[in-house]
N, C-alpha and C. Protein backbone atom coordinates (compact mmCIF):
# COMPACT_ATOMS: atom_id res chain seq x y z
N MET A 1 111.50 73.30 123.92
CA MET A 1 110.55 74.35 123.49
C MET A 1 110.85 75.37 124.81
N THR A 2 111.36 76.66 124.12
CA THR A 2 111.70 77.83 125.19
C THR A 2 110.30 78.20 125.65
N GLU A 3 110.45 79.35 126.55
CA GLU A 3 109.27 79.94 127.27
C GLU A 3 108.53 80.53 126.09
N ASN A 4 109.04 81.21 125.04
CA ASN A 4 108.34 81.73 124.02
C ASN A 4 107.73 80.95 122.94
N THR A 5 108.07 79.65 122.94
CA THR A 5 107.66 78.73 122.06
C THR A 5 106.75 77.79 122.81
N LYS A 6 106.39 77.95 124.12
CA LYS A 6 105.60 76.89 124.44
C LYS A 6 104.10 77.52 124.16
N PRO A 7 103.17 76.26 123.88
CA PRO A 7 101.78 76.70 123.68
C PRO A 7 101.12 77.82 124.55
N LEU A 8 100.42 78.57 123.97
CA LEU A 8 99.69 79.40 125.17
C LEU A 8 98.62 78.72 125.82
N SER A 9 98.65 78.69 127.17
CA SER A 9 97.72 77.96 127.81
C SER A 9 96.40 78.60 127.67
N GLY A 10 95.20 77.51 127.86
CA GLY A 10 93.91 77.96 127.56
C GLY A 10 93.52 78.26 126.01
N GLU A 11 94.53 78.74 125.24
CA GLU A 11 94.22 79.17 123.77
C GLU A 11 94.45 78.16 122.73
N THR A 12 95.25 77.06 123.14
CA THR A 12 95.64 76.14 122.00
C THR A 12 94.94 74.81 121.80
N ALA A 13 94.71 74.57 120.75
CA ALA A 13 93.97 73.24 120.37
C ALA A 13 95.39 72.09 120.21
N ARG A 14 95.20 70.96 120.96
CA ARG A 14 96.43 70.12 120.69
C ARG A 14 96.11 69.46 119.29
N MET A 15 97.23 68.86 118.68
CA MET A 15 97.27 68.25 117.52
C MET A 15 96.07 67.24 117.43
N ASP A 16 95.83 66.64 118.50
CA ASP A 16 94.56 65.65 118.57
C ASP A 16 93.43 66.18 118.29
N ASP A 17 93.11 67.40 119.00
CA ASP A 17 91.93 68.08 118.97
C ASP A 17 91.77 68.63 117.43
N ALA A 18 92.85 68.79 116.64
CA ALA A 18 92.66 69.28 115.35
C ALA A 18 92.39 68.17 114.27
N ASP A 19 92.61 67.05 114.84
CA ASP A 19 92.29 65.96 113.93
C ASP A 19 91.05 65.73 113.10
N PRO A 20 90.02 66.00 113.88
CA PRO A 20 88.49 65.94 113.10
C PRO A 20 88.58 67.21 111.95
N ILE A 21 89.40 68.19 112.19
CA ILE A 21 89.32 69.28 111.14
C ILE A 21 90.15 68.75 109.91
N THR A 22 89.46 68.10 109.09
CA THR A 22 90.28 67.75 107.89
C THR A 22 89.74 68.33 106.58
N GLY A 23 88.63 69.06 106.74
CA GLY A 23 88.31 69.78 105.44
C GLY A 23 88.74 71.01 105.38
N LEU A 24 88.38 71.83 104.31
CA LEU A 24 88.85 73.22 104.18
C LEU A 24 87.70 74.20 105.01
N ARG A 25 88.26 75.12 105.90
CA ARG A 25 87.46 76.03 106.59
C ARG A 25 87.79 77.24 106.08
N PRO A 26 86.51 77.90 105.56
CA PRO A 26 86.67 79.28 105.11
C PRO A 26 86.81 80.35 105.92
N LEU A 27 87.73 81.54 105.65
CA LEU A 27 88.00 82.52 106.44
C LEU A 27 87.26 83.72 105.87
N ALA A 28 86.60 84.32 106.68
CA ALA A 28 85.94 85.61 106.14
C ALA A 28 86.87 86.78 105.95
N LEU A 29 86.71 87.36 104.74
CA LEU A 29 87.35 88.21 104.08
C LEU A 29 86.83 89.47 103.99
N PRO A 30 87.37 90.39 104.08
CA PRO A 30 86.58 91.88 104.12
C PRO A 30 86.21 92.16 102.81
N ALA A 31 85.15 92.88 102.40
CA ALA A 31 84.54 93.60 100.90
C ALA A 31 85.58 94.49 100.80
N PRO A 32 85.88 94.66 99.53
CA PRO A 32 85.36 94.05 98.40
C PRO A 32 86.43 92.96 97.91
N VAL A 33 87.12 92.24 98.61
CA VAL A 33 88.11 91.22 98.12
C VAL A 33 87.12 90.04 97.65
N SER A 34 87.43 89.97 96.21
CA SER A 34 86.86 88.90 95.54
C SER A 34 87.39 87.47 95.56
N GLY A 35 88.67 87.44 96.09
CA GLY A 35 89.10 85.80 96.19
C GLY A 35 88.46 85.27 97.65
N GLU A 36 88.75 83.93 97.80
CA GLU A 36 88.46 83.18 99.03
C GLU A 36 89.67 82.50 99.65
N LEU A 37 89.66 82.47 100.84
CA LEU A 37 90.86 81.70 101.61
C LEU A 37 90.31 80.69 102.46
N TRP A 38 90.88 79.36 102.63
CA TRP A 38 90.53 78.40 103.24
C TRP A 38 91.48 77.74 104.00
N LEU A 39 91.55 77.70 105.42
CA LEU A 39 92.36 77.15 106.22
C LEU A 39 92.33 75.54 106.52
N THR A 40 93.34 75.10 106.58
CA THR A 40 93.28 73.54 106.83
C THR A 40 94.61 72.96 107.53
N GLY A 41 94.67 71.89 107.86
CA GLY A 41 95.89 70.88 108.22
C GLY A 41 96.59 70.20 107.03
N LEU A 42 97.52 69.45 107.34
CA LEU A 42 98.41 68.79 106.47
C LEU A 42 97.43 67.53 105.93
N PRO A 43 97.31 67.29 104.65
CA PRO A 43 96.67 66.17 104.24
C PRO A 43 97.63 65.03 104.44
N ASN A 44 97.92 64.40 105.63
CA ASN A 44 98.78 63.41 106.06
C ASN A 44 98.37 61.86 105.80
N ASN A 45 97.20 61.70 105.25
CA ASN A 45 97.00 60.31 104.73
C ASN A 45 96.36 60.39 103.59
N ASP A 46 96.03 59.18 102.75
CA ASP A 46 95.45 59.43 101.33
C ASP A 46 94.07 59.66 101.61
N LEU A 47 93.24 59.51 102.42
CA LEU A 47 91.74 59.73 102.47
C LEU A 47 91.93 61.42 102.54
N ARG A 48 92.87 61.90 103.43
CA ARG A 48 92.75 63.31 103.63
C ARG A 48 93.23 64.08 102.22
N LEU A 49 94.26 63.45 101.85
CA LEU A 49 94.73 64.09 100.45
C LEU A 49 93.53 64.16 99.59
N ARG A 50 92.98 62.97 99.22
CA ARG A 50 92.01 63.03 98.14
C ARG A 50 90.83 63.87 98.63
N ARG A 51 90.42 63.86 99.99
CA ARG A 51 89.40 65.09 100.25
C ARG A 51 89.76 66.46 100.11
N HIS A 52 91.07 66.75 100.52
CA HIS A 52 91.56 68.17 100.25
C HIS A 52 91.42 68.45 98.51
N LEU A 53 91.93 67.55 97.88
CA LEU A 53 92.17 67.79 96.50
C LEU A 53 90.76 67.87 95.85
N PHE A 54 89.73 66.95 96.18
CA PHE A 54 88.50 66.99 95.74
C PHE A 54 87.75 68.39 96.06
N GLU A 55 87.79 68.74 97.49
CA GLU A 55 87.22 70.02 97.75
C GLU A 55 87.84 71.08 97.10
N ALA A 56 89.23 71.22 96.89
CA ALA A 56 89.87 72.38 96.33
C ALA A 56 89.35 72.21 94.80
N ALA A 57 89.24 71.20 94.08
CA ALA A 57 88.87 71.31 92.78
C ALA A 57 87.49 71.77 92.58
N GLU A 58 86.64 71.45 93.66
CA GLU A 58 85.30 71.86 93.66
C GLU A 58 85.06 73.33 93.87
N LYS A 59 85.93 73.75 94.71
CA LYS A 59 85.93 75.18 95.01
C LYS A 59 86.56 76.04 94.00
N GLY A 60 87.29 75.54 93.12
CA GLY A 60 88.02 76.28 91.98
C GLY A 60 89.34 76.79 92.50
N VAL A 61 90.05 76.28 93.59
CA VAL A 61 91.13 76.89 94.01
C VAL A 61 92.26 77.00 93.12
N THR A 62 93.04 77.98 93.09
CA THR A 62 93.95 78.34 92.39
C THR A 62 95.46 78.26 92.78
N GLN A 63 95.45 78.26 94.28
CA GLN A 63 96.72 78.34 94.75
C GLN A 63 96.83 77.45 96.14
N PHE A 64 97.80 76.87 96.49
CA PHE A 64 97.96 76.32 98.01
C PHE A 64 99.29 77.28 98.52
N VAL A 65 98.98 77.52 99.69
CA VAL A 65 100.13 78.14 100.36
C VAL A 65 100.60 77.40 101.42
N ILE A 66 101.78 76.71 101.60
CA ILE A 66 102.14 75.60 102.24
C ILE A 66 103.18 76.22 103.47
N LEU A 67 102.84 75.94 104.55
CA LEU A 67 103.60 76.76 105.81
C LEU A 67 104.50 75.72 106.33
N THR A 68 104.22 74.40 105.96
CA THR A 68 105.09 73.11 106.80
C THR A 68 106.53 73.33 106.12
N GLU A 69 107.46 72.74 106.96
CA GLU A 69 108.88 72.46 106.49
C GLU A 69 108.94 71.22 105.65
N ASP A 70 109.70 71.32 104.73
CA ASP A 70 109.98 70.05 104.00
C ASP A 70 109.87 68.52 104.61
N HIS A 71 110.67 68.69 105.66
CA HIS A 71 110.79 67.24 106.38
C HIS A 71 109.57 66.99 107.12
N GLU A 72 108.53 67.96 107.37
CA GLU A 72 107.33 67.60 107.95
C GLU A 72 106.56 66.95 106.83
N ILE A 73 106.38 67.38 105.76
CA ILE A 73 105.65 66.89 104.58
C ILE A 73 106.35 65.37 104.34
N ARG A 74 107.48 65.38 104.14
CA ARG A 74 108.11 64.26 103.66
C ARG A 74 107.94 63.04 104.78
N ASP A 75 107.90 63.39 105.96
CA ASP A 75 107.80 62.43 107.13
C ASP A 75 106.50 62.09 107.43
N LEU A 76 105.42 63.11 107.32
CA LEU A 76 104.10 63.00 107.61
C LEU A 76 103.11 62.66 106.87
N ALA A 77 103.53 63.17 105.68
CA ALA A 77 102.59 63.03 104.40
C ALA A 77 103.30 62.57 103.06
N PRO A 78 103.84 61.50 102.99
CA PRO A 78 104.70 61.24 101.67
C PRO A 78 103.64 61.13 100.54
N ASP A 79 102.60 60.63 100.40
CA ASP A 79 101.73 60.88 99.13
C ASP A 79 101.68 62.28 98.79
N TYR A 80 101.45 63.09 99.61
CA TYR A 80 101.41 64.67 99.29
C TYR A 80 102.79 65.07 98.88
N ALA A 81 103.99 64.74 99.49
CA ALA A 81 105.26 64.89 99.33
C ALA A 81 105.39 64.63 97.81
N ARG A 82 105.14 63.26 97.35
CA ARG A 82 105.42 62.73 95.97
C ARG A 82 104.54 63.76 94.91
N LEU A 83 103.36 63.99 95.25
CA LEU A 83 102.49 64.82 94.55
C LEU A 83 103.06 66.29 94.22
N LEU A 84 103.63 66.80 95.48
CA LEU A 84 104.32 68.22 95.21
C LEU A 84 105.63 68.08 94.44
N SER A 85 106.49 67.07 94.73
CA SER A 85 107.54 66.89 93.93
C SER A 85 107.54 66.75 92.43
N SER A 86 106.31 65.99 92.11
CA SER A 86 105.84 65.84 90.70
C SER A 86 105.25 66.98 89.94
N ASP A 87 104.94 68.05 90.67
CA ASP A 87 104.22 69.17 90.09
C ASP A 87 102.93 68.51 89.63
N GLY A 88 102.21 67.57 90.35
CA GLY A 88 101.03 67.07 90.32
C GLY A 88 99.61 67.72 90.61
N LEU A 89 99.90 68.89 91.18
CA LEU A 89 98.73 69.80 91.62
C LEU A 89 98.62 70.35 90.51
N ASN A 90 97.01 70.69 90.39
CA ASN A 90 96.54 71.46 89.47
C ASN A 90 96.35 73.05 89.71
N PHE A 91 97.28 73.41 90.72
CA PHE A 91 97.08 74.77 91.18
C PHE A 91 98.66 75.08 91.57
N SER A 92 98.88 76.45 91.58
CA SER A 92 100.29 76.78 91.84
C SER A 92 100.61 76.79 93.29
N VAL A 93 101.75 76.90 93.59
CA VAL A 93 102.07 76.29 95.23
C VAL A 93 103.06 77.54 95.54
N MET A 94 102.56 78.24 96.76
CA MET A 94 103.54 79.04 97.41
C MET A 94 104.12 78.45 98.68
N ARG A 95 105.25 78.38 98.71
CA ARG A 95 106.08 77.90 99.94
C ARG A 95 106.56 79.08 100.93
N LEU A 96 106.08 78.88 102.14
CA LEU A 96 106.69 79.68 103.38
C LEU A 96 106.79 78.87 104.43
N PRO A 97 107.88 78.18 104.41
CA PRO A 97 107.98 77.21 105.62
C PRO A 97 108.48 78.14 106.81
N ILE A 98 107.80 77.48 107.70
CA ILE A 98 107.73 77.97 109.13
C ILE A 98 107.99 76.92 110.23
N ARG A 99 109.04 76.94 111.05
CA ARG A 99 109.27 75.68 112.13
C ARG A 99 107.99 75.67 112.76
N ASP A 100 107.58 74.37 113.09
CA ASP A 100 106.59 74.14 113.93
C ASP A 100 106.55 74.91 115.37
N PHE A 101 105.35 75.59 115.78
CA PHE A 101 105.47 76.67 117.00
C PHE A 101 106.38 77.67 116.90
N GLY A 102 106.85 77.96 115.79
CA GLY A 102 107.84 79.01 115.44
C GLY A 102 107.31 80.10 114.62
N VAL A 103 108.27 80.91 114.29
CA VAL A 103 107.90 82.19 113.37
C VAL A 103 108.88 82.36 112.35
N PRO A 104 108.49 83.01 111.38
CA PRO A 104 109.31 83.32 110.13
C PRO A 104 110.84 84.04 110.51
N GLU A 105 111.76 83.73 109.74
CA GLU A 105 113.03 84.28 110.25
C GLU A 105 113.09 85.40 109.92
N SER A 106 112.43 86.27 108.96
CA SER A 106 112.65 87.54 108.56
C SER A 106 111.18 88.28 108.47
N VAL A 107 111.13 89.58 109.22
CA VAL A 107 109.96 90.31 108.96
C VAL A 107 109.85 90.86 107.67
N PRO A 108 110.80 91.35 106.80
CA PRO A 108 110.51 92.04 105.70
C PRO A 108 110.07 90.73 104.60
N ALA A 109 110.70 89.60 104.82
CA ALA A 109 110.21 88.69 103.89
C ALA A 109 108.73 88.15 103.93
N PHE A 110 108.46 87.93 105.41
CA PHE A 110 106.99 87.50 105.88
C PHE A 110 106.10 88.58 105.19
N ARG A 111 106.44 89.80 105.52
CA ARG A 111 105.28 90.96 105.12
C ARG A 111 105.48 91.05 103.28
N LEU A 112 106.36 90.65 102.81
CA LEU A 112 106.39 90.52 101.21
C LEU A 112 105.45 89.32 100.78
N ALA A 113 105.60 88.20 101.48
CA ALA A 113 104.88 87.12 101.44
C ALA A 113 103.49 87.36 101.57
N THR A 114 103.00 88.01 102.68
CA THR A 114 101.71 88.00 103.10
C THR A 114 100.87 89.13 102.33
N TYR A 115 101.94 90.22 101.89
CA TYR A 115 101.20 91.04 101.01
C TYR A 115 100.77 90.34 99.30
N ARG A 116 101.75 89.33 99.13
CA ARG A 116 101.40 88.80 97.89
C ARG A 116 100.03 87.92 97.94
N ILE A 117 99.91 87.26 99.12
CA ILE A 117 98.77 86.57 99.31
C ILE A 117 97.64 87.31 99.20
N ALA A 118 97.70 88.51 100.06
CA ALA A 118 96.55 89.31 100.10
C ALA A 118 96.28 89.84 98.92
N ASP A 119 97.41 90.11 97.75
CA ASP A 119 97.17 90.81 96.58
C ASP A 119 96.66 89.73 95.48
N ALA A 120 96.88 88.46 95.72
CA ALA A 120 96.05 87.56 94.91
C ALA A 120 94.84 87.22 95.49
N LEU A 121 94.41 87.44 96.65
CA LEU A 121 92.95 87.63 97.04
C LEU A 121 92.09 88.46 96.31
N GLN A 122 92.74 89.84 96.25
CA GLN A 122 92.18 90.86 95.92
C GLN A 122 91.97 90.83 94.34
N SER A 123 93.02 89.86 93.64
CA SER A 123 92.70 89.49 92.24
C SER A 123 91.60 88.46 91.92
N GLY A 124 91.10 88.11 93.00
CA GLY A 124 90.23 86.94 92.87
C GLY A 124 90.74 85.66 92.98
N GLU A 125 91.81 85.27 93.45
CA GLU A 125 92.49 83.83 93.56
C GLU A 125 91.65 83.15 94.70
N ARG A 126 91.68 82.04 94.66
CA ARG A 126 91.08 81.18 95.52
C ARG A 126 92.10 80.28 96.19
N ILE A 127 92.40 80.34 97.39
CA ILE A 127 93.64 79.80 97.97
C ILE A 127 93.27 79.03 99.22
N VAL A 128 94.04 77.93 99.45
CA VAL A 128 94.09 76.82 100.53
C VAL A 128 95.61 77.34 101.07
N MET A 129 95.24 77.53 102.30
CA MET A 129 96.71 77.84 103.31
C MET A 129 96.73 76.60 104.39
N HIS A 130 97.70 75.87 104.40
CA HIS A 130 97.84 74.90 105.88
C HIS A 130 99.53 74.98 106.15
N CYS A 131 99.32 74.47 107.46
CA CYS A 131 100.71 74.04 108.37
C CYS A 131 100.33 72.53 108.73
N ARG A 132 100.93 71.91 109.42
CA ARG A 132 100.45 70.71 110.02
C ARG A 132 99.29 70.37 110.66
N GLY A 133 98.77 71.25 111.53
CA GLY A 133 97.61 70.95 112.27
C GLY A 133 96.52 72.03 111.89
N GLY A 134 96.92 72.96 110.95
CA GLY A 134 96.05 74.01 110.49
C GLY A 134 95.65 74.90 111.55
N ILE A 135 96.66 75.35 112.63
CA ILE A 135 96.09 76.15 113.83
C ILE A 135 97.24 77.19 113.98
N GLY A 136 98.39 76.93 114.44
CA GLY A 136 99.19 77.93 114.79
C GLY A 136 99.92 78.64 113.54
N ARG A 137 100.68 78.07 112.74
CA ARG A 137 101.30 78.83 111.81
C ARG A 137 100.24 79.35 110.65
N THR A 138 99.20 78.54 110.41
CA THR A 138 98.20 78.86 109.61
C THR A 138 97.55 80.18 110.15
N GLY A 139 97.08 80.14 111.50
CA GLY A 139 96.69 81.19 112.31
C GLY A 139 97.48 82.47 112.19
N LEU A 140 99.05 82.34 112.39
CA LEU A 140 99.76 83.48 112.21
C LEU A 140 99.77 84.13 110.72
N VAL A 141 99.88 83.40 109.89
CA VAL A 141 99.73 83.77 108.61
C VAL A 141 98.39 84.40 108.03
N ALA A 142 97.43 83.76 108.51
CA ALA A 142 96.17 84.19 108.20
C ALA A 142 95.79 85.53 108.71
N GLU A 143 96.09 85.75 110.00
CA GLU A 143 95.94 87.06 110.56
C GLU A 143 96.62 88.26 109.83
N ALA A 144 98.01 87.84 109.43
CA ALA A 144 98.81 88.93 108.74
C ALA A 144 98.25 89.22 107.40
N VAL A 145 97.56 88.07 106.54
CA VAL A 145 97.10 88.53 105.38
C VAL A 145 95.78 89.28 105.75
N LEU A 146 94.84 89.23 106.70
CA LEU A 146 93.84 90.02 106.81
C LEU A 146 94.46 91.43 107.33
N ILE A 147 95.29 91.60 108.02
CA ILE A 147 96.07 92.99 108.37
C ILE A 147 96.24 93.61 107.09
N GLU A 148 96.95 92.76 106.06
CA GLU A 148 97.39 93.32 104.84
C GLU A 148 96.20 93.87 104.14
N LEU A 149 95.14 93.25 104.16
CA LEU A 149 93.86 93.48 103.53
C LEU A 149 93.08 94.72 104.34
N GLY A 150 93.65 95.49 105.34
CA GLY A 150 93.01 96.37 105.90
C GLY A 150 92.19 96.08 107.13
N VAL A 151 92.13 94.85 107.32
CA VAL A 151 91.44 94.37 108.84
C VAL A 151 92.32 94.81 110.03
N PRO A 152 91.94 95.47 110.96
CA PRO A 152 92.47 95.89 112.21
C PRO A 152 92.73 94.49 112.97
N PRO A 153 94.13 94.66 113.62
CA PRO A 153 94.64 93.25 114.13
C PRO A 153 93.62 92.65 115.15
N ALA A 154 92.82 93.37 115.96
CA ALA A 154 91.94 92.53 116.73
C ALA A 154 90.81 91.80 116.08
N GLU A 155 90.36 92.60 115.09
CA GLU A 155 89.09 92.07 114.26
C GLU A 155 89.77 90.78 113.46
N ALA A 156 91.10 90.81 112.98
CA ALA A 156 91.65 89.99 112.22
C ALA A 156 91.83 88.71 113.16
N ARG A 157 92.32 88.85 114.45
CA ARG A 157 92.39 87.66 115.29
C ARG A 157 90.96 87.10 115.53
N GLY A 158 90.06 87.75 115.75
CA GLY A 158 88.66 87.16 115.76
C GLY A 158 88.13 86.44 114.70
N LEU A 159 88.49 86.94 113.53
CA LEU A 159 88.12 86.29 112.12
C LEU A 159 88.55 84.75 112.12
N VAL A 160 90.10 84.88 112.33
CA VAL A 160 90.80 83.60 112.21
C VAL A 160 90.57 82.60 113.30
N ALA A 161 90.26 83.20 114.52
CA ALA A 161 89.67 82.11 115.69
C ALA A 161 88.53 81.63 115.32
N ALA A 162 87.56 82.50 114.62
CA ALA A 162 86.07 81.76 114.14
C ALA A 162 86.41 80.65 113.11
N ALA A 163 87.48 80.73 112.30
CA ALA A 163 87.80 79.81 111.39
C ALA A 163 88.52 78.79 111.78
N GLY A 164 88.86 78.72 113.22
CA GLY A 164 89.57 77.53 113.83
C GLY A 164 90.89 77.45 113.91
N SER A 165 91.54 78.61 113.70
CA SER A 165 93.02 78.84 113.69
C SER A 165 93.38 79.93 114.73
N ARG A 166 94.63 80.06 115.09
CA ARG A 166 95.09 81.14 116.14
C ARG A 166 96.73 81.13 116.32
N CYS A 167 97.23 82.17 116.73
CA CYS A 167 98.59 82.07 117.03
C CYS A 167 98.76 81.22 118.19
N GLU A 168 99.76 80.27 118.23
CA GLU A 168 99.88 79.08 119.21
C GLU A 168 100.65 79.59 120.42
N THR A 169 101.61 80.39 120.20
CA THR A 169 102.65 80.60 121.13
C THR A 169 102.88 82.25 121.29
N ALA A 170 103.35 82.37 122.40
CA ALA A 170 103.62 83.79 122.78
C ALA A 170 104.54 84.50 121.83
N GLU A 171 105.74 83.60 121.34
CA GLU A 171 106.45 84.02 120.24
C GLU A 171 105.73 84.45 118.89
N GLN A 172 104.82 83.69 118.45
CA GLN A 172 104.04 84.17 117.43
C GLN A 172 103.35 85.12 117.58
N VAL A 173 102.61 85.59 118.61
CA VAL A 173 101.94 86.73 118.94
C VAL A 173 102.84 87.96 119.01
N ALA A 174 103.95 87.91 119.69
CA ALA A 174 104.90 88.78 119.37
C ALA A 174 105.54 89.18 118.17
N PHE A 175 105.66 87.91 117.11
CA PHE A 175 106.20 88.30 116.03
C PHE A 175 105.05 89.10 115.22
N LEU A 176 104.21 88.93 115.43
CA LEU A 176 102.94 89.29 114.53
C LEU A 176 102.74 90.93 114.92
N ARG A 177 102.94 91.26 116.32
CA ARG A 177 103.10 92.58 116.94
C ARG A 177 104.17 93.26 116.23
N LYS A 178 105.18 92.64 116.23
CA LYS A 178 106.47 93.34 115.59
C LYS A 178 106.39 93.70 114.24
N ALA A 179 105.65 92.57 113.58
CA ALA A 179 105.71 92.82 111.78
C ALA A 179 104.80 93.84 111.64
N TYR A 180 103.69 94.05 112.16
CA TYR A 180 102.76 95.02 112.02
C TYR A 180 102.59 96.17 113.08
N ALA A 181 103.61 96.58 113.79
CA ALA A 181 103.80 97.61 114.75
C ALA A 181 103.34 98.81 113.99
N ASP A 182 103.33 98.99 112.65
CA ASP A 182 102.99 100.15 112.02
C ASP A 182 101.32 100.34 111.94
N VAL A 183 100.63 99.23 112.16
CA VAL A 183 99.35 99.14 112.03
C VAL A 183 98.61 99.40 113.37
N GLU A 184 97.64 100.19 113.61
CA GLU A 184 96.63 100.51 114.64
C GLU A 184 95.70 99.46 114.85
N ASP A 185 95.46 99.05 116.30
CA ASP A 185 94.38 97.95 116.41
C ASP A 185 93.04 98.70 116.53
């Protein structure tokens, strides 16, 4: 881990701390956005997978946004990997893989992806977003989606933190600032 990818001291929940957060956590969205967004971690065992799928069906989820890399899903959640490879989910799937504790490779591609998520939410989509622990990468993308929806960056950061996620590294914070340098706080 480099200096920029080390977890931020005092601001990071360890993976063990995230373990009890197995359900879907709602993220407050600005009015008049009609969709809903829930944040969570990787459903890495059968019980969590069943709970995620049950909650998603109960909430009328229409899309999953998956931020984990393929190898993480394959290694840590084989049942989920099989379900994804068989198109066994009853919702659409958007893949935006980001290295654990890392950042996206391209600002323009990231902005396009977060714009698409924001647009889907404005169209009434109900979306579940997850990375491995539901904290860092999920926090990074959730903040960006809120900014795309017109929420000022500082407010977006607070809303995401209230939902249990946040950027975990200085590199993630810097990436978000760079990606949205055109947006005033």
